Amino acid sequence: MTASPRTGAHTPTAKQQWAGGLTAFAGIMLMIAGLLSLFRGIMAIAQDDVFVTTPNYVFKFDLTSWGWIHLALGVVAIAVSFGLFGPAMWARIAGVAIAGLVIIANFLSLPYYPVWSVVMIALSGFIIWALCVVKRDDAGAMP
């Protein structure tokens, strides 16, 4: 932060504003990804016939099991996304971990809902990028 000559108040630099914007972007996108994962989990638990079943798949689970996995990831992603709206390092680390788990879960359930899985993998990749590109000193100085 730099001190303003007139008021003596600190104003964030452009770099710190950029870091704050990326963290807010990641928080909102993680919340959206969590909500979508939550809805996908509820959909898989309640209505198995919505998904395509693949007869010969290495990672074949019951669709209800996949539903519970996506539901749990969605709940945790939503909880972590609230931590990203403050300058919390634990939330950035947990956000990267949860987005990575969402990528893995969507890759493993790819045959059941292929287009949606690819969209969620790309969305989670953007979340990881936004959380990793911000430097520690930039994120800690956010207002």
Protein backbone atom coordinates (compact mmCIF):
# COMPACT_ATOMS: atom_id res chain seq x y z
CA MET A 1 0.00 0.00 0.00
CA THR A 2 1.07 3.55 -0.61
CA ALA A 3 0.32 6.53 1.59
CA SER A 4 -1.72 9.33 0.05
CA PRO A 5 0.09 12.69 0.39
CA ARG A 6 -3.08 14.58 1.35
CA THR A 7 -4.85 12.28 3.76
CA GLY A 8 -2.12 9.94 4.88
CA ALA A 9 -4.50 7.03 4.21
CA HIS A 10 -3.21 3.94 2.49
CA THR A 11 -4.47 3.19 -1.01
CA PRO A 12 -4.00 -0.22 -2.54
CA THR A 13 -1.68 -0.48 -5.51
CA ALA A 14 -2.84 -1.78 -8.88
CA LYS A 15 -1.09 -5.08 -8.16
CA GLN A 16 -2.96 -5.48 -4.87
CA GLN A 17 -6.26 -4.62 -6.54
CA TRP A 18 -5.54 -7.23 -9.22
CA ALA A 19 -4.81 -9.81 -6.51
CA GLY A 20 -8.01 -8.92 -4.67
CA GLY A 21 -10.00 -9.21 -7.88
CA LEU A 22 -8.59 -12.64 -8.69
CA THR A 23 -9.28 -13.91 -5.19
CA ALA A 24 -12.85 -12.60 -5.36
CA PHE A 25 -13.22 -14.24 -8.79
CA ALA A 26 -11.99 -17.53 -7.38
CA GLY A 27 -14.32 -17.26 -4.39
CA ILE A 28 -17.38 -16.63 -6.55
CA MET A 29 -16.44 -19.33 -9.05
CA LEU A 30 -15.76 -21.84 -6.27
CA MET A 31 -19.16 -21.03 -4.79
CA ILE A 32 -20.81 -21.56 -8.19
CA ALA A 33 -18.87 -24.80 -8.75
CA GLY A 34 -19.86 -25.95 -5.27
CA LEU A 35 -23.53 -25.19 -5.89
CA LEU A 36 -23.46 -26.99 -9.22
CA SER A 37 -21.71 -29.96 -7.65
CA LEU A 38 -24.27 -29.94 -4.84
CA PHE A 39 -27.14 -29.97 -7.34
CA ARG A 40 -25.46 -32.71 -9.37
CA GLY A 41 -25.11 -34.77 -6.22
CA ILE A 42 -28.77 -34.30 -5.30
CA MET A 43 -29.74 -35.18 -8.86
CA ALA A 44 -27.69 -38.38 -8.80
CA ILE A 45 -29.03 -39.42 -5.39
CA ALA A 46 -32.69 -38.70 -6.22
CA GLN A 47 -32.92 -39.66 -9.91
CA ASP A 48 -30.43 -42.21 -11.20
CA ASP A 49 -32.13 -42.35 -14.60
CA VAL A 50 -31.00 -38.79 -15.46
CA PHE A 51 -27.46 -40.05 -16.10
CA VAL A 52 -26.14 -42.29 -18.84
CA THR A 53 -24.86 -45.62 -17.57
CA THR A 54 -21.75 -47.12 -19.10
CA PRO A 55 -21.56 -50.91 -18.85
CA ASN A 56 -17.76 -51.35 -18.97
CA TYR A 57 -16.03 -48.63 -16.98
CA VAL A 58 -13.04 -49.10 -14.73
CA PHE A 59 -14.20 -46.65 -12.04
CA LYS A 60 -17.78 -47.89 -11.98
CA PHE A 61 -19.64 -46.94 -8.81
CA ASP A 62 -23.32 -46.88 -8.15
CA LEU A 63 -24.68 -43.50 -9.27
CA THR A 64 -25.91 -42.90 -5.74
CA SER A 65 -22.30 -43.19 -4.54
CA TRP A 66 -21.20 -40.62 -7.12
CA GLY A 67 -24.06 -38.44 -5.95
CA TRP A 68 -22.85 -38.50 -2.35
CA ILE A 69 -19.29 -37.76 -3.48
CA HIS A 70 -20.38 -34.72 -5.50
CA LEU A 71 -22.73 -33.59 -2.74
CA ALA A 72 -19.95 -33.66 -0.13
CA LEU A 73 -17.51 -31.84 -2.44
CA GLY A 74 -20.15 -29.21 -3.15
CA VAL A 75 -20.83 -28.54 0.52
CA VAL A 76 -17.12 -28.21 1.32
CA ALA A 77 -16.51 -26.01 -1.75
CA ILE A 78 -19.29 -23.64 -0.69
CA ALA A 79 -17.90 -23.44 2.85
CA VAL A 80 -14.36 -22.73 1.62
CA SER A 81 -15.59 -20.11 -0.86
CA PHE A 82 -16.77 -17.93 2.04
CA GLY A 83 -13.21 -17.95 3.42
CA LEU A 84 -11.89 -16.63 0.11
CA PHE A 85 -13.70 -13.31 0.56
CA GLY A 86 -11.23 -12.43 3.33
CA PRO A 87 -7.43 -12.52 3.07
CA ALA A 88 -7.16 -16.04 4.53
CA MET A 89 -4.27 -18.18 3.33
CA TRP A 90 -5.98 -21.35 4.61
CA ALA A 91 -8.91 -20.64 2.29
CA ARG A 92 -6.63 -20.30 -0.74
CA ILE A 93 -4.92 -23.60 0.06
CA ALA A 94 -8.22 -25.35 0.77
CA GLY A 95 -9.71 -23.83 -2.40
CA VAL A 96 -6.94 -25.27 -4.55
CA ALA A 97 -7.34 -28.66 -2.84
CA ILE A 98 -11.12 -28.72 -3.24
CA ALA A 99 -10.94 -27.59 -6.88
CA GLY A 100 -8.40 -30.37 -7.49
CA LEU A 101 -10.73 -32.93 -5.90
CA VAL A 102 -13.60 -31.62 -8.04
CA ILE A 103 -11.44 -32.14 -11.13
CA ILE A 104 -10.63 -35.71 -10.07
CA ALA A 105 -14.25 -36.54 -9.21
CA ASN A 106 -15.49 -35.16 -12.52
CA PHE A 107 -12.82 -37.00 -14.46
CA LEU A 108 -13.73 -40.28 -12.78
CA SER A 109 -17.45 -39.74 -13.41
CA LEU A 110 -16.88 -38.55 -17.00
CA PRO A 111 -18.85 -41.35 -18.72
CA TYR A 112 -22.00 -40.64 -16.70
CA TYR A 113 -22.32 -36.95 -17.61
CA PRO A 114 -19.54 -36.15 -20.13
CA VAL A 115 -20.21 -32.57 -21.26
CA TRP A 116 -20.97 -31.33 -17.77
CA SER A 117 -17.86 -33.06 -16.39
CA VAL A 118 -15.66 -31.30 -18.95
CA VAL A 119 -17.26 -27.93 -18.08
CA MET A 120 -16.63 -28.51 -14.35
CA ILE A 121 -13.03 -29.58 -15.01
CA ALA A 122 -12.39 -26.35 -16.95
CA LEU A 123 -14.11 -24.22 -14.31
CA SER A 124 -12.07 -25.82 -11.54
CA GLY A 125 -8.90 -25.24 -13.57
CA PHE A 126 -9.67 -21.50 -13.67
CA ILE A 127 -10.27 -21.53 -9.91
CA ILE A 128 -6.89 -23.15 -9.28
CA TRP A 129 -5.20 -20.67 -11.62
CA ALA A 130 -6.82 -17.66 -9.91
CA LEU A 131 -5.83 -18.88 -6.46
CA CYS A 132 -2.25 -19.78 -7.39
CA VAL A 133 -1.33 -16.67 -9.38
CA VAL A 134 -1.80 -14.32 -6.41
CA LYS A 135 1.38 -13.84 -4.39
CA ARG A 136 1.27 -14.16 -0.61
CA ASP A 137 2.18 -10.51 0.06
CA ASP A 138 -0.43 -9.26 -2.43
CA ALA A 139 -3.22 -11.33 -0.92
CA GLY A 140 -2.40 -10.35 2.64
CA ALA A 141 -2.58 -6.64 1.87
CA MET A 142 -6.10 -6.71 0.47
CA PRO A 143 -8.60 -4.39 2.15
